[in-house]
Amino acid sequence: GRYAFVGAGAVVTKPVPDYAVVVGNPARVRGYVCECCQPLAAKGAGLTCGKCGLRYVRTRDGVSRATDDTTTKPKARSVSPKPKAKADKRAAKATPAKPRR
């Protein structure tokens, strides 16, 4: 397959999928690599290259490069204002303590 890696001494008896890393006798898929030769890391339903950031999706035949239609955009995170706990503590230290009875 395109961009596939075959390990030294591997005996290939079947077609190798695109982007696959195959090793052993008989050759078996042990992982996937990016077009820049870096291993792909699983992120959610897809695979992502840690070096160049290209995205891939798993298919029945192996892995294929993701298109804009197949990639999901990350959800927007709502940012809430930080609590003012530090300011409240400073204010508490500034006020003198009431004497105990």
N, C-alpha and C. Protein backbone atom coordinates (compact mmCIF):
# COMPACT_ATOMS: atom_id res chain seq x y z
N GLY A 1 0.81 -1.19 0.00
CA GLY A 1 0.00 0.00 0.00
C GLY A 1 0.85 1.25 0.00
N ARG A 2 0.20 2.35 -0.25
CA ARG A 2 0.91 3.63 -0.24
C ARG A 2 1.39 3.96 1.17
N TYR A 3 2.61 4.45 1.29
CA TYR A 3 3.24 4.87 2.55
C TYR A 3 3.33 3.74 3.57
N ALA A 4 3.23 2.50 3.16
CA ALA A 4 3.30 1.37 4.08
C ALA A 4 4.75 1.07 4.44
N PHE A 5 4.97 0.54 5.64
CA PHE A 5 6.29 0.11 6.10
C PHE A 5 6.25 -1.39 6.28
N VAL A 6 7.24 -2.08 5.73
CA VAL A 6 7.36 -3.52 5.88
C VAL A 6 8.63 -3.77 6.67
N GLY A 7 8.49 -4.45 7.82
CA GLY A 7 9.63 -4.73 8.68
C GLY A 7 10.62 -5.69 8.03
N ALA A 8 11.88 -5.59 8.46
CA ALA A 8 12.92 -6.46 7.92
C ALA A 8 12.59 -7.92 8.23
N GLY A 9 12.65 -8.77 7.25
CA GLY A 9 12.40 -10.19 7.42
C GLY A 9 10.93 -10.57 7.39
N ALA A 10 10.05 -9.60 7.19
CA ALA A 10 8.62 -9.90 7.15
C ALA A 10 8.29 -10.65 5.87
N VAL A 11 7.43 -11.65 5.99
CA VAL A 11 7.00 -12.43 4.83
C VAL A 11 5.59 -11.96 4.47
N VAL A 12 5.51 -11.19 3.38
CA VAL A 12 4.25 -10.61 2.95
C VAL A 12 3.51 -11.62 2.07
N THR A 13 2.35 -12.07 2.55
CA THR A 13 1.57 -13.05 1.81
C THR A 13 0.26 -12.48 1.27
N LYS A 14 -0.12 -11.29 1.72
CA LYS A 14 -1.36 -10.63 1.30
C LYS A 14 -1.05 -9.17 1.00
N PRO A 15 -1.95 -8.49 0.30
CA PRO A 15 -1.72 -7.06 0.06
C PRO A 15 -1.64 -6.28 1.38
N VAL A 16 -0.73 -5.32 1.42
CA VAL A 16 -0.53 -4.50 2.62
C VAL A 16 -1.40 -3.24 2.49
N PRO A 17 -2.20 -2.90 3.52
CA PRO A 17 -3.04 -1.71 3.45
C PRO A 17 -2.21 -0.42 3.42
N ASP A 18 -2.81 0.66 2.93
CA ASP A 18 -2.15 1.96 2.94
C ASP A 18 -1.80 2.38 4.37
N TYR A 19 -0.64 3.01 4.54
CA TYR A 19 -0.16 3.57 5.81
C TYR A 19 0.11 2.52 6.89
N ALA A 20 0.08 1.22 6.57
CA ALA A 20 0.24 0.17 7.57
C ALA A 20 1.72 -0.12 7.85
N VAL A 21 1.99 -0.54 9.09
CA VAL A 21 3.29 -1.07 9.48
C VAL A 21 3.08 -2.56 9.67
N VAL A 22 3.77 -3.39 8.87
CA VAL A 22 3.61 -4.83 8.97
C VAL A 22 4.94 -5.47 9.34
N VAL A 23 4.89 -6.47 10.23
CA VAL A 23 6.09 -7.20 10.65
C VAL A 23 5.71 -8.66 10.87
N GLY A 24 6.70 -9.53 10.86
CA GLY A 24 6.51 -10.93 11.22
C GLY A 24 6.38 -11.87 10.05
N ASN A 25 6.19 -13.15 10.41
CA ASN A 25 6.04 -14.21 9.44
C ASN A 25 4.81 -15.02 9.81
N PRO A 26 3.71 -14.86 9.14
CA PRO A 26 3.44 -13.95 8.03
C PRO A 26 3.27 -12.51 8.51
N ALA A 27 3.42 -11.58 7.60
CA ALA A 27 3.35 -10.16 7.94
C ALA A 27 1.96 -9.80 8.46
N ARG A 28 1.94 -9.10 9.62
CA ARG A 28 0.67 -8.66 10.21
C ARG A 28 0.76 -7.18 10.54
N VAL A 29 -0.37 -6.51 10.46
CA VAL A 29 -0.42 -5.07 10.73
C VAL A 29 -0.20 -4.84 12.22
N ARG A 30 0.77 -4.02 12.55
CA ARG A 30 1.09 -3.69 13.94
C ARG A 30 0.81 -2.23 14.28
N GLY A 31 0.46 -1.44 13.29
CA GLY A 31 0.19 -0.03 13.51
C GLY A 31 0.11 0.69 12.19
N TYR A 32 0.07 2.02 12.27
CA TYR A 32 -0.03 2.85 11.07
C TYR A 32 0.92 4.02 11.19
N VAL A 33 1.38 4.51 10.03
CA VAL A 33 2.29 5.65 9.99
C VAL A 33 1.71 6.75 9.11
N CYS A 34 2.18 7.96 9.35
CA CYS A 34 1.77 9.13 8.57
C CYS A 34 2.61 9.21 7.29
N GLU A 35 2.24 10.12 6.43
CA GLU A 35 3.02 10.35 5.21
C GLU A 35 4.40 10.90 5.54
N CYS A 36 4.58 11.48 6.72
CA CYS A 36 5.88 12.00 7.14
C CYS A 36 6.68 10.96 7.93
N CYS A 37 6.24 9.69 7.90
CA CYS A 37 6.94 8.54 8.50
C CYS A 37 6.86 8.48 10.02
N GLN A 38 5.96 9.20 10.64
CA GLN A 38 5.79 9.17 12.09
C GLN A 38 4.60 8.27 12.45
N PRO A 39 4.65 7.60 13.60
CA PRO A 39 3.52 6.75 13.99
C PRO A 39 2.28 7.59 14.26
N LEU A 40 1.11 7.01 13.97
CA LEU A 40 -0.15 7.70 14.19
C LEU A 40 -0.68 7.35 15.57
N ALA A 41 -1.21 8.36 16.27
CA ALA A 41 -1.78 8.17 17.60
C ALA A 41 -3.29 8.25 17.51
N ALA A 42 -3.96 7.36 18.23
CA ALA A 42 -5.43 7.35 18.22
C ALA A 42 -5.96 8.51 19.04
N LYS A 43 -6.87 9.26 18.44
CA LYS A 43 -7.56 10.35 19.13
C LYS A 43 -9.03 10.22 18.80
N GLY A 44 -9.79 9.73 19.73
CA GLY A 44 -11.21 9.54 19.48
C GLY A 44 -11.42 8.48 18.42
N ALA A 45 -12.22 8.79 17.42
CA ALA A 45 -12.54 7.82 16.37
C ALA A 45 -11.47 7.79 15.28
N GLY A 46 -10.57 8.76 15.27
CA GLY A 46 -9.59 8.84 14.20
C GLY A 46 -8.17 8.67 14.69
N LEU A 47 -7.24 8.90 13.78
CA LEU A 47 -5.81 8.84 14.07
C LEU A 47 -5.20 10.18 13.69
N THR A 48 -4.22 10.64 14.45
CA THR A 48 -3.59 11.92 14.18
C THR A 48 -2.09 11.78 14.27
N CYS A 49 -1.38 12.47 13.38
CA CYS A 49 0.08 12.50 13.43
C CYS A 49 0.51 13.54 14.45
N GLY A 50 1.39 13.15 15.35
CA GLY A 50 1.86 14.08 16.38
C GLY A 50 2.83 15.11 15.85
N LYS A 51 3.46 14.85 14.72
CA LYS A 51 4.46 15.77 14.19
C LYS A 51 3.85 16.80 13.24
N CYS A 52 3.13 16.33 12.22
CA CYS A 52 2.62 17.26 11.21
C CYS A 52 1.14 17.58 11.38
N GLY A 53 0.41 16.80 12.21
CA GLY A 53 -0.98 17.08 12.50
C GLY A 53 -1.99 16.57 11.48
N LEU A 54 -1.54 15.80 10.47
CA LEU A 54 -2.49 15.24 9.52
C LEU A 54 -3.44 14.28 10.22
N ARG A 55 -4.68 14.24 9.76
CA ARG A 55 -5.68 13.37 10.37
C ARG A 55 -6.04 12.23 9.43
N TYR A 56 -6.31 11.08 10.01
CA TYR A 56 -6.66 9.88 9.27
C TYR A 56 -7.88 9.25 9.94
N VAL A 57 -8.63 8.47 9.15
CA VAL A 57 -9.78 7.75 9.68
C VAL A 57 -9.62 6.27 9.38
N ARG A 58 -10.13 5.45 10.28
CA ARG A 58 -10.10 4.00 10.08
C ARG A 58 -11.23 3.61 9.14
N THR A 59 -10.90 2.74 8.20
CA THR A 59 -11.89 2.23 7.26
C THR A 59 -11.87 0.71 7.32
N ARG A 60 -12.75 0.09 6.59
CA ARG A 60 -12.79 -1.37 6.56
C ARG A 60 -11.50 -1.93 5.97
N ASP A 61 -10.91 -1.19 5.02
CA ASP A 61 -9.70 -1.66 4.35
C ASP A 61 -8.42 -1.22 5.04
N GLY A 62 -8.50 -0.47 6.12
CA GLY A 62 -7.30 0.00 6.82
C GLY A 62 -7.47 1.43 7.28
N VAL A 63 -6.64 2.32 6.76
CA VAL A 63 -6.65 3.73 7.15
C VAL A 63 -6.60 4.57 5.89
N SER A 64 -7.33 5.69 5.89
CA SER A 64 -7.23 6.63 4.77
C SER A 64 -7.15 8.04 5.34
N ARG A 65 -6.59 8.92 4.55
CA ARG A 65 -6.44 10.30 4.98
C ARG A 65 -7.81 10.96 5.08
N ALA A 66 -8.04 11.68 6.15
CA ALA A 66 -9.33 12.30 6.41
C ALA A 66 -9.52 13.53 5.52
N THR A 67 -10.75 13.72 5.09
CA THR A 67 -11.11 14.93 4.37
C THR A 67 -11.82 15.87 5.33
N ASP A 68 -12.12 17.07 4.90
CA ASP A 68 -12.81 18.03 5.76
C ASP A 68 -14.18 17.52 6.17
N ASP A 69 -14.82 16.70 5.32
CA ASP A 69 -16.14 16.19 5.63
C ASP A 69 -16.11 15.15 6.75
N THR A 70 -15.01 14.40 6.86
CA THR A 70 -14.94 13.32 7.84
C THR A 70 -14.37 13.76 9.17
N THR A 71 -13.70 14.89 9.21
CA THR A 71 -13.12 15.35 10.47
C THR A 71 -14.16 16.11 11.26
N THR A 72 -14.10 15.98 12.54
CA THR A 72 -15.01 16.70 13.40
C THR A 72 -14.26 17.85 14.05
N LYS A 73 -14.91 18.97 14.09
CA LYS A 73 -14.28 20.12 14.74
C LYS A 73 -14.41 19.96 16.24
N PRO A 74 -13.38 20.39 17.00
CA PRO A 74 -13.47 20.28 18.44
C PRO A 74 -14.60 21.16 18.97
N LYS A 75 -15.25 20.68 20.01
CA LYS A 75 -16.34 21.45 20.59
C LYS A 75 -15.79 22.68 21.28
N ALA A 76 -16.52 23.77 21.16
CA ALA A 76 -16.11 25.01 21.81
C ALA A 76 -16.31 24.87 23.31
N ARG A 77 -15.31 25.24 24.04
CA ARG A 77 -15.41 25.17 25.48
C ARG A 77 -15.90 26.49 26.02
N SER A 78 -16.84 26.43 26.92
CA SER A 78 -17.30 27.67 27.53
C SER A 78 -16.33 28.03 28.64
N VAL A 79 -15.95 29.27 28.68
CA VAL A 79 -14.99 29.73 29.67
C VAL A 79 -15.74 30.55 30.69
N SER A 80 -15.72 30.09 31.91
CA SER A 80 -16.39 30.84 32.97
C SER A 80 -15.35 31.70 33.67
N PRO A 81 -15.79 32.82 34.21
CA PRO A 81 -14.83 33.68 34.91
C PRO A 81 -14.25 32.97 36.12
N LYS A 82 -13.01 33.28 36.42
CA LYS A 82 -12.36 32.64 37.56
C LYS A 82 -13.01 33.12 38.85
N PRO A 83 -13.14 32.24 39.82
CA PRO A 83 -13.71 32.67 41.09
C PRO A 83 -12.78 33.66 41.77
N LYS A 84 -13.36 34.53 42.54
CA LYS A 84 -12.58 35.56 43.20
C LYS A 84 -12.21 35.14 44.61
N ALA A 85 -11.85 33.89 44.77
CA ALA A 85 -11.51 33.37 46.09
C ALA A 85 -10.28 34.05 46.65
N LYS A 86 -9.29 34.32 45.82
CA LYS A 86 -8.07 34.96 46.30
C LYS A 86 -8.36 36.36 46.81
N ALA A 87 -9.20 37.09 46.09
CA ALA A 87 -9.54 38.44 46.52
C ALA A 87 -10.30 38.40 47.84
N ASP A 88 -11.19 37.42 48.02
CA ASP A 88 -11.94 37.29 49.26
C ASP A 88 -11.01 36.96 50.42
N LYS A 89 -10.00 36.13 50.20
CA LYS A 89 -9.06 35.79 51.26
C LYS A 89 -8.24 37.00 51.67
N ARG A 90 -7.83 37.79 50.68
CA ARG A 90 -7.06 38.99 50.98
C ARG A 90 -7.91 39.96 51.81
N ALA A 91 -9.17 40.09 51.45
CA ALA A 91 -10.06 40.98 52.18
C ALA A 91 -10.26 40.48 53.61
N ALA A 92 -10.34 39.18 53.79
CA ALA A 92 -10.53 38.61 55.12
C ALA A 92 -9.30 38.86 55.98
N LYS A 93 -8.11 38.81 55.41
CA LYS A 93 -6.88 39.05 56.16
C LYS A 93 -6.76 40.52 56.54
N ALA A 94 -7.25 41.39 55.69
CA ALA A 94 -7.14 42.83 55.93
C ALA A 94 -8.03 43.30 57.08
N THR A 95 -9.16 42.64 57.29
CA THR A 95 -10.05 43.06 58.38
C THR A 95 -9.58 42.46 59.67
N PRO A 96 -9.59 43.24 60.73
CA PRO A 96 -9.11 42.71 62.01
C PRO A 96 -10.09 41.68 62.57
N ALA A 97 -9.56 40.71 63.24
CA ALA A 97 -10.38 39.66 63.83
C ALA A 97 -11.10 40.20 65.04
N LYS A 98 -12.34 39.77 65.24
CA LYS A 98 -13.11 40.21 66.40
C LYS A 98 -12.64 39.42 67.61
N PRO A 99 -12.55 40.10 68.74
CA PRO A 99 -12.12 39.37 69.94
C PRO A 99 -13.18 38.37 70.38
N ARG A 100 -12.74 37.24 70.87
CA ARG A 100 -13.66 36.21 71.35
C ARG A 100 -14.11 36.53 72.74
N ARG A 101 -15.29 36.17 73.07
CA ARG A 101 -15.83 36.42 74.41
C ARG A 101 -15.80 35.19 75.22
